Amino acid sequence: MSLEDRASCIELVKQAKTGGAGRAASCEVLDVSLRTLERWEKEPEKGDQRRGPVSGCAHALSEQEKQAIVKVSNGPEYRDLSPWQIVARLADQGVYLGSQSSFYRVLRQTEQLSHRQNSQPRVHHRPQELTARNPNEVWSWDITYLNSAIRGAYYYLYLVEDIFSRMIVGWTVEEEQSAEQSARLIDRTCQEHGIARGQLTLHADNGTPVKGATLLATLERLGIAPSFSRPRVSDDNPYSESLFKT
């Protein structure tokens, strides 16, 4: 703290004392200890007597060594690796530029510890929610099991639901799950309801039958926009799941 600031603190404490405030309380407001204030009052002309370390650290890295660490860390071979990985790989080659702590410290000082590539980290955004304001704008579909007369054997119900009206617009029961069966169902249902190109969005989960090449090619031919649930999100296809439960 400069001599001017010290004098200002001493004067403020004197004014506070004249107004009836205690010296300790005034020092607490100024974030200065009472002992420090007394030392300033005793020797008002002396500034900060601390001189710092007499000598530097003997094994501190030089500026050239720090630049070498930065250069290696930003190289194509090491820019995707953490400091401990870089040190280990350099050791395998018989090269030593510094310890792991030195790498971390130097990269932190140069603000390169988190990301050192030219490209920026990928930012994930929640997809825009689908909104159905009229019938045949958004359909949701899925496949569920149906019990058969044989224990352990099932039929498969393919069911397409209109989000706006909750109407079942198409369905079929098959003995297997396949993208070919899915494509035939969607093609037939679109023809029955007169779906035009660019009119419909079809939402489904991430199962193999709903993302097969045959079905995707059919959607492309019909001009239908596909929509899929986010990975590992269990409630992104709620209408079909709720209907199956019902």
C-alpha atoms as a PDB file:
ATOM      1  CA  MET A   1       0.000   0.000   0.000  1.00  0.00           C
ATOM      2  CA  SER A   2       1.334   3.434  -0.910  1.00  0.00           C
ATOM      3  CA  LEU A   3       2.145   6.131   1.648  1.00  0.00           C
ATOM      4  CA  GLU A   4      -0.822   8.204   0.410  1.00  0.00           C
ATOM      5  CA  ASP A   5      -3.235   5.331   1.025  1.00  0.00           C
ATOM      6  CA  ARG A   6      -1.768   4.750   4.476  1.00  0.00           C
ATOM      7  CA  ALA A   7      -2.211   8.404   5.391  1.00  0.00           C
ATOM      8  CA  SER A   8      -5.763   8.270   4.110  1.00  0.00           C
ATOM      9  CA  CYS A   9      -6.530   5.243   6.300  1.00  0.00           C
ATOM     10  CA  ILE A  10      -5.042   6.943   9.377  1.00  0.00           C
ATOM     11  CA  GLU A  11      -7.126  10.061   8.755  1.00  0.00           C
ATOM     12  CA  LEU A  12     -10.336   8.039   8.239  1.00  0.00           C
ATOM     13  CA  VAL A  13      -9.811   6.188  11.514  1.00  0.00           C
ATOM     14  CA  LYS A  14      -9.251   9.511  13.324  1.00  0.00           C
ATOM     15  CA  GLN A  15     -12.480  10.908  11.883  1.00  0.00           C
ATOM     16  CA  ALA A  16     -14.372   7.760  12.862  1.00  0.00           C
ATOM     17  CA  LYS A  17     -13.008   7.945  16.406  1.00  0.00           C
ATOM     18  CA  THR A  18     -14.087  11.593  16.667  1.00  0.00           C
ATOM     19  CA  GLY A  19     -17.573  10.495  15.650  1.00  0.00           C
ATOM     20  CA  GLY A  20     -17.682   7.877  18.371  1.00  0.00           C
ATOM     21  CA  ALA A  21     -16.585   4.728  16.508  1.00  0.00           C
ATOM     22  CA  GLY A  22     -13.972   2.397  17.899  1.00  0.00           C
ATOM     23  CA  ARG A  23     -10.567   2.037  16.265  1.00  0.00           C
ATOM     24  CA  ALA A  24     -10.881  -1.747  15.932  1.00  0.00           C
ATOM     25  CA  ALA A  25     -14.277  -1.455  14.238  1.00  0.00           C
ATOM     26  CA  SER A  26     -12.933   1.214  11.865  1.00  0.00           C
ATOM     27  CA  CYS A  27      -9.964  -0.971  10.941  1.00  0.00           C
ATOM     28  CA  GLU A  28     -12.306  -3.882  10.248  1.00  0.00           C
ATOM     29  CA  VAL A  29     -14.299  -1.717   7.817  1.00  0.00           C
ATOM     30  CA  LEU A  30     -11.076  -0.676   6.069  1.00  0.00           C
ATOM     31  CA  ASP A  31      -9.877  -4.328   6.000  1.00  0.00           C
ATOM     32  CA  VAL A  32      -6.713  -3.359   7.918  1.00  0.00           C
ATOM     33  CA  SER A  33      -5.599  -4.867  11.202  1.00  0.00           C
ATOM     34  CA  LEU A  34      -5.299  -2.578  14.237  1.00  0.00           C
ATOM     35  CA  ARG A  35      -1.677  -3.621  14.724  1.00  0.00           C
ATOM     36  CA  THR A  36      -0.839  -2.589  11.173  1.00  0.00           C
ATOM     37  CA  LEU A  37      -2.520   0.771  11.699  1.00  0.00           C
ATOM     38  CA  GLU A  38      -0.504   1.377  14.857  1.00  0.00           C
ATOM     39  CA  ARG A  39       2.717   0.596  12.987  1.00  0.00           C
ATOM     40  CA  TRP A  40       1.768   3.075  10.265  1.00  0.00           C
ATOM     41  CA  GLU A  41       1.065   5.758  12.885  1.00  0.00           C
ATOM     42  CA  LYS A  42       4.404   5.098  14.608  1.00  0.00           C
ATOM     43  CA  GLU A  43       6.438   5.309  11.372  1.00  0.00           C
ATOM     44  CA  PRO A  44       4.329   7.294   8.886  1.00  0.00           C
ATOM     45  CA  GLU A  45       7.241   8.046   6.564  1.00  0.00           C
ATOM     46  CA  LYS A  46       8.362   4.453   6.061  1.00  0.00           C
ATOM     47  CA  GLY A  47       6.987   2.601   3.096  1.00  0.00           C
ATOM     48  CA  ASP A  48       6.845  -1.125   2.456  1.00  0.00           C
ATOM     49  CA  GLN A  49      10.053  -2.581   3.873  1.00  0.00           C
ATOM     50  CA  ARG A  50       9.664  -5.982   2.224  1.00  0.00           C
ATOM     51  CA  ARG A  51      12.363  -6.608  -0.355  1.00  0.00           C
ATOM     52  CA  GLY A  52      11.223  -9.980  -1.638  1.00  0.00           C
ATOM     53  CA  PRO A  53      13.555 -12.934  -2.270  1.00  0.00           C
ATOM     54  CA  VAL A  54      17.238 -12.079  -2.488  1.00  0.00           C
ATOM     55  CA  SER A  55      17.896 -14.640  -5.234  1.00  0.00           C
ATOM     56  CA  GLY A  56      15.769 -16.536  -7.725  1.00  0.00           C
ATOM     57  CA  CYS A  57      15.034 -20.245  -7.712  1.00  0.00           C
ATOM     58  CA  ALA A  58      18.114 -22.105  -8.916  1.00  0.00           C
ATOM     59  CA  HIS A  59      16.206 -24.714 -10.904  1.00  0.00           C
ATOM     60  CA  ALA A  60      13.512 -22.409 -12.325  1.00  0.00           C
ATOM     61  CA  LEU A  61      12.786 -22.788 -16.038  1.00  0.00           C
ATOM     62  CA  SER A  62      14.269 -20.159 -18.302  1.00  0.00           C
ATOM     63  CA  GLU A  63      12.171 -18.305 -20.851  1.00  0.00           C
ATOM     64  CA  GLN A  64      13.639 -20.441 -23.643  1.00  0.00           C
ATOM     65  CA  GLU A  65      12.689 -23.644 -21.802  1.00  0.00           C
ATOM     66  CA  LYS A  66       9.145 -22.377 -21.281  1.00  0.00           C
ATOM     67  CA  GLN A  67       8.826 -21.543 -24.979  1.00  0.00           C
ATOM     68  CA  ALA A  68      10.064 -25.043 -25.831  1.00  0.00           C
ATOM     69  CA  ILE A  69       7.304 -26.559 -23.676  1.00  0.00           C
ATOM     70  CA  VAL A  70       4.673 -24.387 -25.338  1.00  0.00           C
ATOM     71  CA  LYS A  71       5.955 -25.211 -28.814  1.00  0.00           C
ATOM     72  CA  VAL A  72       5.960 -28.964 -28.221  1.00  0.00           C
ATOM     73  CA  SER A  73       2.528 -28.902 -26.557  1.00  0.00           C
ATOM     74  CA  ASN A  74       1.039 -27.111 -29.569  1.00  0.00           C
ATOM     75  CA  GLY A  75       2.610 -29.440 -32.124  1.00  0.00           C
ATOM     76  CA  PRO A  76       0.311 -31.680 -34.222  1.00  0.00           C
ATOM     77  CA  GLU A  77       1.510 -34.774 -32.372  1.00  0.00           C
ATOM     78  CA  TYR A  78       0.798 -33.495 -28.853  1.00  0.00           C
ATOM     79  CA  ARG A  79      -1.912 -30.812 -29.065  1.00  0.00           C
ATOM     80  CA  ASP A  80      -4.696 -33.295 -28.228  1.00  0.00           C
ATOM     81  CA  LEU A  81      -2.875 -34.787 -25.225  1.00  0.00           C
ATOM     82  CA  SER A  82      -2.767 -33.821 -21.555  1.00  0.00           C
ATOM     83  CA  PRO A  83       0.548 -32.738 -19.997  1.00  0.00           C
ATOM     84  CA  TRP A  84       1.153 -36.075 -18.281  1.00  0.00           C
ATOM     85  CA  GLN A  85       0.666 -37.885 -21.599  1.00  0.00           C
ATOM     86  CA  ILE A  86       3.078 -35.486 -23.321  1.00  0.00           C
ATOM     87  CA  VAL A  87       5.760 -35.997 -20.664  1.00  0.00           C
ATOM     88  CA  ALA A  88       5.386 -39.776 -20.876  1.00  0.00           C
ATOM     89  CA  ARG A  89       5.694 -39.860 -24.672  1.00  0.00           C
ATOM     90  CA  LEU A  90       8.687 -37.548 -24.635  1.00  0.00           C
ATOM     91  CA  ALA A  91      10.327 -39.809 -22.040  1.00  0.00           C
ATOM     92  CA  ASP A  92       9.823 -42.792 -24.369  1.00  0.00           C
ATOM     93  CA  GLN A  93      11.841 -40.857 -26.963  1.00  0.00           C
ATOM     94  CA  GLY A  94      14.545 -39.924 -24.465  1.00  0.00           C
ATOM     95  CA  VAL A  95      13.526 -36.248 -24.380  1.00  0.00           C
ATOM     96  CA  TYR A  96      13.028 -34.278 -21.145  1.00  0.00           C
ATOM     97  CA  LEU A  97      11.750 -30.694 -21.218  1.00  0.00           C
ATOM     98  CA  GLY A  98      10.225 -30.519 -17.766  1.00  0.00           C
ATOM     99  CA  SER A  99       8.130 -32.339 -15.223  1.00  0.00           C
ATOM    100  CA  GLN A 100       4.374 -32.794 -15.416  1.00  0.00           C
ATOM    101  CA  SER A 101       3.949 -29.959 -12.918  1.00  0.00           C
ATOM    102  CA  SER A 102       6.117 -27.691 -15.079  1.00  0.00           C
ATOM    103  CA  PHE A 103       4.023 -28.475 -18.162  1.00  0.00           C
ATOM    104  CA  TYR A 104       0.807 -27.764 -16.274  1.00  0.00           C
ATOM    105  CA  ARG A 105       2.207 -24.532 -14.817  1.00  0.00           C
ATOM    106  CA  VAL A 106       3.558 -23.191 -18.125  1.00  0.00           C
ATOM    107  CA  LEU A 107       0.397 -24.047 -20.072  1.00  0.00           C
ATOM    108  CA  ARG A 108      -1.747 -22.490 -17.354  1.00  0.00           C
ATOM    109  CA  GLN A 109       0.304 -19.293 -17.487  1.00  0.00           C
ATOM    110  CA  THR A 110      -0.168 -19.093 -21.264  1.00  0.00           C
ATOM    111  CA  GLU A 111      -3.908 -19.956 -21.002  1.00  0.00           C
ATOM    112  CA  GLN A 112      -3.464 -23.095 -23.101  1.00  0.00           C
ATOM    113  CA  LEU A 113      -4.256 -25.758 -20.541  1.00  0.00           C
ATOM    114  CA  SER A 114      -7.864 -26.464 -21.561  1.00  0.00           C
ATOM    115  CA  HIS A 115      -7.786 -26.374 -25.389  1.00  0.00           C
ATOM    116  CA  ARG A 116      -4.806 -25.892 -27.673  1.00  0.00           C
ATOM    117  CA  GLN A 117      -6.241 -26.603 -31.119  1.00  0.00           C
ATOM    118  CA  ASN A 118      -7.193 -23.965 -33.653  1.00  0.00           C
ATOM    119  CA  SER A 119     -10.722 -25.347 -33.730  1.00  0.00           C
ATOM    120  CA  GLN A 120     -13.139 -24.715 -30.883  1.00  0.00           C
ATOM    121  CA  PRO A 121     -14.661 -27.477 -28.756  1.00  0.00           C
ATOM    122  CA  ARG A 122     -17.936 -28.809 -30.047  1.00  0.00           C
ATOM    123  CA  VAL A 123     -20.944 -27.258 -28.346  1.00  0.00           C
ATOM    124  CA  HIS A 124     -24.066 -29.388 -28.069  1.00  0.00           C
ATOM    125  CA  HIS A 125     -27.461 -27.717 -28.160  1.00  0.00           C
ATOM    126  CA  ARG A 126     -30.830 -29.209 -27.428  1.00  0.00           C
ATOM    127  CA  PRO A 127     -32.660 -29.752 -30.744  1.00  0.00           C
ATOM    128  CA  GLN A 128     -35.636 -27.584 -31.598  1.00  0.00           C
ATOM    129  CA  GLU A 129     -38.886 -29.100 -30.392  1.00  0.00           C
ATOM    130  CA  LEU A 130     -41.351 -30.311 -33.011  1.00  0.00           C
ATOM    131  CA  THR A 131     -44.762 -28.604 -32.913  1.00  0.00           C
ATOM    132  CA  ALA A 132     -47.896 -29.954 -34.595  1.00  0.00           C
ATOM    133  CA  ARG A 133     -50.530 -27.250 -35.229  1.00  0.00           C
ATOM    134  CA  ASN A 134     -52.568 -29.264 -37.717  1.00  0.00           C
ATOM    135  CA  PRO A 135     -53.153 -32.941 -38.548  1.00  0.00           C
ATOM    136  CA  ASN A 136     -50.542 -34.741 -40.654  1.00  0.00           C
ATOM    137  CA  GLU A 137     -47.723 -32.362 -39.759  1.00  0.00           C
ATOM    138  CA  VAL A 138     -45.856 -34.565 -37.249  1.00  0.00           C
ATOM    139  CA  TRP A 139     -46.212 -38.336 -36.921  1.00  0.00           C
ATOM    140  CA  SER A 140     -44.660 -40.481 -34.235  1.00  0.00           C
ATOM    141  CA  TRP A 141     -44.107 -44.186 -34.686  1.00  0.00           C
ATOM    142  CA  ASP A 142     -42.517 -47.154 -32.962  1.00  0.00           C
ATOM    143  CA  ILE A 143     -42.545 -50.946 -32.755  1.00  0.00           C
ATOM    144  CA  THR A 144     -43.694 -52.998 -29.755  1.00  0.00           C
ATOM    145  CA  TYR A 145     -44.066 -56.682 -28.870  1.00  0.00           C
ATOM    146  CA  LEU A 146     -47.297 -58.683 -29.050  1.00  0.00           C
ATOM    147  CA  ASN A 147     -47.565 -62.023 -27.286  1.00  0.00           C
ATOM    148  CA  SER A 148     -48.123 -65.071 -29.440  1.00  0.00           C
ATOM    149  CA  ALA A 149     -49.446 -68.543 -28.616  1.00  0.00           C
ATOM    150  CA  ILE A 150     -45.873 -69.792 -28.245  1.00  0.00           C
ATOM    151  CA  ARG A 151     -43.965 -68.939 -25.089  1.00  0.00           C
ATOM    152  CA  GLY A 152     -40.935 -66.757 -25.907  1.00  0.00           C
ATOM    153  CA  ALA A 153     -42.143 -65.978 -29.456  1.00  0.00           C
ATOM    154  CA  TYR A 154     -43.663 -62.618 -30.305  1.00  0.00           C
ATOM    155  CA  TYR A 155     -45.311 -60.676 -33.065  1.00  0.00           C
ATOM    156  CA  TYR A 156     -44.311 -57.066 -33.739  1.00  0.00           C
ATOM    157  CA  LEU A 157     -46.792 -54.206 -33.902  1.00  0.00           C
ATOM    158  CA  TYR A 158     -45.717 -51.313 -36.144  1.00  0.00           C
ATOM    159  CA  LEU A 159     -47.865 -48.305 -35.219  1.00  0.00           C
ATOM    160  CA  VAL A 160     -47.914 -44.727 -36.560  1.00  0.00           C
ATOM    161  CA  GLU A 161     -49.679 -41.986 -34.580  1.00  0.00           C
ATOM    162  CA  ASP A 162     -50.567 -38.421 -35.568  1.00  0.00           C
ATOM    163  CA  ILE A 163     -49.307 -36.083 -32.841  1.00  0.00           C
ATOM    164  CA  PHE A 164     -51.995 -33.414 -33.329  1.00  0.00           C
ATOM    165  CA  SER A 165     -55.108 -35.616 -33.279  1.00  0.00           C
ATOM    166  CA  ARG A 166     -53.657 -38.714 -31.534  1.00  0.00           C
ATOM    167  CA  MET A 167     -55.182 -40.712 -34.369  1.00  0.00           C
ATOM    168  CA  ILE A 168     -53.609 -44.036 -35.354  1.00  0.00           C
ATOM    169  CA  VAL A 169     -52.928 -43.345 -39.015  1.00  0.00           C
ATOM    170  CA  GLY A 170     -51.219 -46.633 -39.873  1.00  0.00           C
ATOM    171  CA  TRP A 171     -50.313 -50.002 -38.407  1.00  0.00           C
ATOM    172  CA  THR A 172     -49.265 -53.516 -39.250  1.00  0.00           C
ATOM    173  CA  VAL A 173     -48.374 -56.707 -37.396  1.00  0.00           C
ATOM    174  CA  GLU A 174     -45.341 -58.637 -38.611  1.00  0.00           C
ATOM    175  CA  GLU A 175     -43.271 -61.624 -37.514  1.00  0.00           C
ATOM    176  CA  GLU A 176     -39.986 -59.691 -37.571  1.00  0.00           C
ATOM    177  CA  GLN A 177     -38.514 -56.221 -37.221  1.00  0.00           C
ATOM    178  CA  SER A 178     -36.950 -54.847 -40.377  1.00  0.00           C
ATOM    179  CA  ALA A 179     -36.397 -51.593 -42.206  1.00  0.00           C
ATOM    180  CA  GLU A 180     -38.121 -53.068 -45.275  1.00  0.00           C
ATOM    181  CA  GLN A 181     -41.377 -53.650 -43.367  1.00  0.00           C
ATOM    182  CA  SER A 182     -41.108 -50.147 -41.907  1.00  0.00           C
ATOM    183  CA  ALA A 183     -40.618 -48.616 -45.349  1.00  0.00           C
ATOM    184  CA  ARG A 184     -43.681 -50.428 -46.762  1.00  0.00           C
ATOM    185  CA  LEU A 185     -45.844 -49.248 -43.845  1.00  0.00           C
ATOM    186  CA  ILE A 186     -44.786 -45.601 -44.112  1.00  0.00           C
ATOM    187  CA  ASP A 187     -45.182 -45.611 -47.901  1.00  0.00           C
ATOM    188  CA  ARG A 188     -48.697 -47.107 -47.709  1.00  0.00           C
ATOM    189  CA  THR A 189     -49.789 -44.794 -44.878  1.00  0.00           C
ATOM    190  CA  CYS A 190     -48.615 -41.660 -46.713  1.00  0.00           C
ATOM    191  CA  GLN A 191     -50.533 -42.699 -49.842  1.00  0.00           C
ATOM    192  CA  GLU A 192     -53.694 -43.365 -47.818  1.00  0.00           C
ATOM    193  CA  HIS A 193     -53.608 -39.894 -46.231  1.00  0.00           C
ATOM    194  CA  GLY A 194     -52.399 -37.985 -49.285  1.00  0.00           C
ATOM    195  CA  ILE A 195     -49.184 -36.681 -47.748  1.00  0.00           C
ATOM    196  CA  ALA A 196     -47.434 -34.157 -50.012  1.00  0.00           C
ATOM    197  CA  ARG A 197     -43.687 -33.613 -50.227  1.00  0.00           C
ATOM    198  CA  GLY A 198     -42.367 -31.379 -47.448  1.00  0.00           C
ATOM    199  CA  GLN A 199     -45.582 -31.666 -45.438  1.00  0.00           C
ATOM    200  CA  LEU A 200     -44.657 -34.251 -42.813  1.00  0.00           C
ATOM    201  CA  THR A 201     -42.035 -34.855 -40.134  1.00  0.00           C
ATOM    202  CA  LEU A 202     -41.723 -38.455 -38.925  1.00  0.00           C
ATOM    203  CA  HIS A 203     -40.332 -38.926 -35.405  1.00  0.00           C
ATOM    204  CA  ALA A 204     -38.994 -42.202 -34.007  1.00  0.00           C
ATOM    205  CA  ASP A 205     -36.443 -43.584 -31.575  1.00  0.00           C
ATOM    206  CA  ASN A 206     -32.954 -44.791 -32.530  1.00  0.00           C
ATOM    207  CA  GLY A 207     -33.765 -48.449 -33.150  1.00  0.00           C
ATOM    208  CA  THR A 208     -32.277 -50.279 -36.119  1.00  0.00           C
ATOM    209  CA  PRO A 209     -35.598 -50.775 -38.007  1.00  0.00           C
ATOM    210  CA  VAL A 210     -36.395 -47.052 -37.862  1.00  0.00           C
ATOM    211  CA  LYS A 211     -32.935 -45.943 -39.089  1.00  0.00           C
ATOM    212  CA  GLY A 212     -32.350 -48.563 -41.773  1.00  0.00           C
ATOM    213  CA  ALA A 213     -31.158 -47.512 -45.215  1.00  0.00           C
ATOM    214  CA  THR A 214     -34.343 -48.763 -46.924  1.00  0.00           C
ATOM    215  CA  LEU A 215     -36.600 -46.642 -44.718  1.00  0.00           C
ATOM    216  CA  LEU A 216     -34.393 -43.550 -44.988  1.00  0.00           C
ATOM    217  CA  ALA A 217     -34.399 -43.883 -48.775  1.00  0.00           C
ATOM    218  CA  THR A 218     -38.202 -44.128 -48.725  1.00  0.00           C
ATOM    219  CA  LEU A 219     -38.479 -40.993 -46.592  1.00  0.00           C
ATOM    220  CA  GLU A 220     -36.169 -39.167 -48.992  1.00  0.00           C
ATOM    221  CA  ARG A 221     -38.313 -40.251 -51.962  1.00  0.00           C
ATOM    222  CA  LEU A 222     -41.538 -39.157 -50.253  1.00  0.00           C
ATOM    223  CA  GLY A 223     -40.105 -35.831 -49.086  1.00  0.00           C
ATOM    224  CA  ILE A 224     -40.565 -36.622 -45.367  1.00  0.00           C
ATOM    225  CA  ALA A 225     -38.229 -35.085 -42.794  1.00  0.00           C
ATOM    226  CA  PRO A 226     -36.903 -37.754 -40.374  1.00  0.00           C
ATOM    227  CA  SER A 227     -36.549 -36.976 -36.665  1.00  0.00           C
ATOM    228  CA  PHE A 228     -34.931 -39.201 -34.063  1.00  0.00           C
ATOM    229  CA  SER A 229     -34.658 -39.301 -30.289  1.00  0.00           C
ATOM    230  CA  ARG A 230     -31.464 -38.068 -28.683  1.00  0.00           C
ATOM    231  CA  PRO A 231     -29.084 -40.851 -27.633  1.00  0.00           C
ATOM    232  CA  ARG A 232     -29.639 -42.183 -24.110  1.00  0.00           C
ATOM    233  CA  VAL A 233     -32.760 -40.022 -23.599  1.00  0.00           C
ATOM    234  CA  SER A 234     -35.686 -42.202 -22.586  1.00  0.00           C
ATOM    235  CA  ASP A 235     -38.534 -39.700 -22.974  1.00  0.00           C
ATOM    236  CA  ASP A 236     -37.939 -38.321 -26.479  1.00  0.00           C
ATOM    237  CA  ASN A 237     -40.666 -40.459 -28.089  1.00  0.00           C
ATOM    238  CA  PRO A 238     -43.428 -40.084 -25.471  1.00  0.00           C
ATOM    239  CA  TYR A 239     -46.528 -40.310 -27.659  1.00  0.00           C
ATOM    240  CA  SER A 240     -45.837 -43.765 -29.050  1.00  0.00           C
ATOM    241  CA  GLU A 241     -44.593 -45.093 -25.708  1.00  0.00           C
ATOM    242  CA  SER A 242     -47.657 -43.728 -23.908  1.00  0.00           C
ATOM    243  CA  LEU A 243     -49.984 -45.248 -26.495  1.00  0.00           C
ATOM    244  CA  PHE A 244     -48.339 -48.660 -26.171  1.00  0.00           C
ATOM    245  CA  LYS A 245     -48.727 -48.486 -22.382  1.00  0.00           C
ATOM    246  CA  THR A 246     -52.394 -47.598 -22.748  1.00  0.00           C
END
